[in-house]
Amino acid sequence: MSTGRLAFDQEMGDFVELLQDCTRILGIVKEPYYKTVVYHEPDTLGCLITTYIGPSIHHLGFCTTTLGHDPNLTKQTAARNALRRLCHIYE
């Protein structure tokens, strides 16, 4: 990983931790759960991450699915997608 990319990732923040904090604040007892499936196709590495968010008094539990290439970056994107979904539920 180049240092330029690393600096960009640090500026972006950690969406996984932000999602954990938000779920705790919103009264969701279970922490977010990530299920990662890594697959190899000819000349391509990919991953599919499903994020499970537990129920609260305001909503039933739900899951989001995110497709990417790098598992670490895709997990950040998956957390952002779950945060976006929570924002839609609570607006």
C-alpha atoms as a PDB file:
ATOM      1  CA  MET A   1       0.000   0.000   0.000  1.00  0.00           C
ATOM      2  CA  SER A   2       1.446   3.376  -0.945  1.00  0.00           C
ATOM      3  CA  THR A   3       1.852   6.036   1.720  1.00  0.00           C
ATOM      4  CA  GLY A   4      -0.434   8.370  -0.239  1.00  0.00           C
ATOM      5  CA  ARG A   5      -3.240   5.848  -0.044  1.00  0.00           C
ATOM      6  CA  LEU A   6      -2.555   5.194   3.634  1.00  0.00           C
ATOM      7  CA  ALA A   7      -2.756   8.926   4.392  1.00  0.00           C
ATOM      8  CA  PHE A   8      -6.066   9.117   2.508  1.00  0.00           C
ATOM      9  CA  ASP A   9      -7.478   6.177   4.478  1.00  0.00           C
ATOM     10  CA  GLN A  10      -6.476   7.781   7.787  1.00  0.00           C
ATOM     11  CA  GLU A  11      -8.187  11.029   6.787  1.00  0.00           C
ATOM     12  CA  MET A  12     -11.345   9.084   5.892  1.00  0.00           C
ATOM     13  CA  GLY A  13     -11.682   7.791   9.413  1.00  0.00           C
ATOM     14  CA  ASP A  14     -12.761   4.382  10.582  1.00  0.00           C
ATOM     15  CA  PHE A  15     -16.360   3.750   9.535  1.00  0.00           C
ATOM     16  CA  VAL A  16     -16.382   0.368  11.277  1.00  0.00           C
ATOM     17  CA  GLU A  17     -15.829   2.048  14.669  1.00  0.00           C
ATOM     18  CA  LEU A  18     -18.300   4.800  13.801  1.00  0.00           C
ATOM     19  CA  LEU A  19     -20.969   2.194  13.008  1.00  0.00           C
ATOM     20  CA  GLN A  20     -20.319   0.436  16.337  1.00  0.00           C
ATOM     21  CA  ASP A  21     -20.627   3.729  18.216  1.00  0.00           C
ATOM     22  CA  CYS A  22     -23.821   4.702  16.375  1.00  0.00           C
ATOM     23  CA  THR A  23     -25.522   1.363  16.990  1.00  0.00           C
ATOM     24  CA  ARG A  24     -24.674   1.597  20.688  1.00  0.00           C
ATOM     25  CA  ILE A  25     -26.086   5.154  20.894  1.00  0.00           C
ATOM     26  CA  LEU A  26     -29.261   4.084  19.062  1.00  0.00           C
ATOM     27  CA  GLY A  27     -29.926   1.296  21.555  1.00  0.00           C
ATOM     28  CA  ILE A  28     -29.006  -1.624  19.315  1.00  0.00           C
ATOM     29  CA  VAL A  29     -27.707  -4.212  21.752  1.00  0.00           C
ATOM     30  CA  LYS A  30     -25.846  -6.509  19.353  1.00  0.00           C
ATOM     31  CA  GLU A  31     -22.711  -5.179  17.690  1.00  0.00           C
ATOM     32  CA  PRO A  32     -22.637  -5.155  13.882  1.00  0.00           C
ATOM     33  CA  TYR A  33     -21.589  -8.504  12.440  1.00  0.00           C
ATOM     34  CA  TYR A  34     -19.641  -8.832   9.190  1.00  0.00           C
ATOM     35  CA  LYS A  35     -19.629 -11.967   7.061  1.00  0.00           C
ATOM     36  CA  THR A  36     -16.889 -11.922   4.418  1.00  0.00           C
ATOM     37  CA  VAL A  37     -16.685 -14.208   1.407  1.00  0.00           C
ATOM     38  CA  VAL A  38     -13.481 -13.920  -0.659  1.00  0.00           C
ATOM     39  CA  TYR A  39     -13.553 -15.360  -4.140  1.00  0.00           C
ATOM     40  CA  HIS A  40     -11.013 -15.817  -6.911  1.00  0.00           C
ATOM     41  CA  GLU A  41     -11.886 -15.586 -10.563  1.00  0.00           C
ATOM     42  CA  PRO A  42      -9.352 -15.591 -13.387  1.00  0.00           C
ATOM     43  CA  ASP A  43      -7.139 -12.507 -12.904  1.00  0.00           C
ATOM     44  CA  THR A  44      -9.540 -11.093 -10.278  1.00  0.00           C
ATOM     45  CA  LEU A  45      -9.742 -11.175  -6.509  1.00  0.00           C
ATOM     46  CA  GLY A  46     -13.032 -10.092  -5.029  1.00  0.00           C
ATOM     47  CA  CYS A  47     -14.973 -10.133  -1.814  1.00  0.00           C
ATOM     48  CA  LEU A  48     -18.563  -9.916  -0.742  1.00  0.00           C
ATOM     49  CA  ILE A  49     -19.291  -8.537   2.726  1.00  0.00           C
ATOM     50  CA  THR A  50     -22.689  -8.783   4.356  1.00  0.00           C
ATOM     51  CA  THR A  51     -23.212  -6.536   7.368  1.00  0.00           C
ATOM     52  CA  TYR A  52     -25.859  -7.578   9.887  1.00  0.00           C
ATOM     53  CA  ILE A  53     -27.387  -4.942  12.182  1.00  0.00           C
ATOM     54  CA  GLY A  54     -29.492  -6.143  15.104  1.00  0.00           C
ATOM     55  CA  PRO A  55     -32.985  -4.925  15.974  1.00  0.00           C
ATOM     56  CA  SER A  56     -33.883  -2.006  18.200  1.00  0.00           C
ATOM     57  CA  ILE A  57     -37.175  -0.586  19.444  1.00  0.00           C
ATOM     58  CA  HIS A  58     -37.351   1.522  16.262  1.00  0.00           C
ATOM     59  CA  HIS A  59     -36.650  -1.096  13.595  1.00  0.00           C
ATOM     60  CA  LEU A  60     -36.238  -4.760  12.866  1.00  0.00           C
ATOM     61  CA  GLY A  61     -32.763  -6.057  12.219  1.00  0.00           C
ATOM     62  CA  PHE A  62     -31.433  -5.722   8.681  1.00  0.00           C
ATOM     63  CA  CYS A  63     -28.435  -6.527   6.528  1.00  0.00           C
ATOM     64  CA  THR A  64     -26.575  -4.796   3.716  1.00  0.00           C
ATOM     65  CA  THR A  65     -24.354  -6.397   1.090  1.00  0.00           C
ATOM     66  CA  THR A  66     -21.255  -4.803  -0.419  1.00  0.00           C
ATOM     67  CA  LEU A  67     -19.073  -6.067  -3.265  1.00  0.00           C
ATOM     68  CA  GLY A  68     -15.428  -5.051  -3.681  1.00  0.00           C
ATOM     69  CA  HIS A  69     -11.869  -6.163  -4.355  1.00  0.00           C
ATOM     70  CA  ASP A  70      -9.858  -5.439  -1.205  1.00  0.00           C
ATOM     71  CA  PRO A  71     -11.470  -6.941   1.931  1.00  0.00           C
ATOM     72  CA  ASN A  72     -10.227  -4.150   4.244  1.00  0.00           C
ATOM     73  CA  LEU A  73     -11.472  -1.309   2.050  1.00  0.00           C
ATOM     74  CA  THR A  74     -14.691  -3.172   1.292  1.00  0.00           C
ATOM     75  CA  LYS A  75     -15.378  -3.549   5.031  1.00  0.00           C
ATOM     76  CA  GLN A  76     -15.130   0.236   5.391  1.00  0.00           C
ATOM     77  CA  THR A  77     -17.555   0.650   2.475  1.00  0.00           C
ATOM     78  CA  ALA A  78     -19.887  -1.945   4.001  1.00  0.00           C
ATOM     79  CA  ALA A  79     -19.930  -0.011   7.286  1.00  0.00           C
ATOM     80  CA  ARG A  80     -20.687   3.218   5.378  1.00  0.00           C
ATOM     81  CA  ASN A  81     -23.589   1.502   3.585  1.00  0.00           C
ATOM     82  CA  ALA A  82     -25.015   0.300   6.910  1.00  0.00           C
ATOM     83  CA  LEU A  83     -24.639   3.818   8.364  1.00  0.00           C
ATOM     84  CA  ARG A  84     -26.478   5.225   5.356  1.00  0.00           C
ATOM     85  CA  ARG A  85     -29.307   2.736   5.889  1.00  0.00           C
ATOM     86  CA  LEU A  86     -29.532   3.655   9.577  1.00  0.00           C
ATOM     87  CA  CYS A  87     -29.767   7.333   8.598  1.00  0.00           C
ATOM     88  CA  HIS A  88     -32.727   6.555   6.316  1.00  0.00           C
ATOM     89  CA  ILE A  89     -34.461   4.633   9.105  1.00  0.00           C
ATOM     90  CA  TYR A  90     -34.020   7.387  11.689  1.00  0.00           C
ATOM     91  CA  GLU A  91     -34.756  10.455   9.540  1.00  0.00           C
END
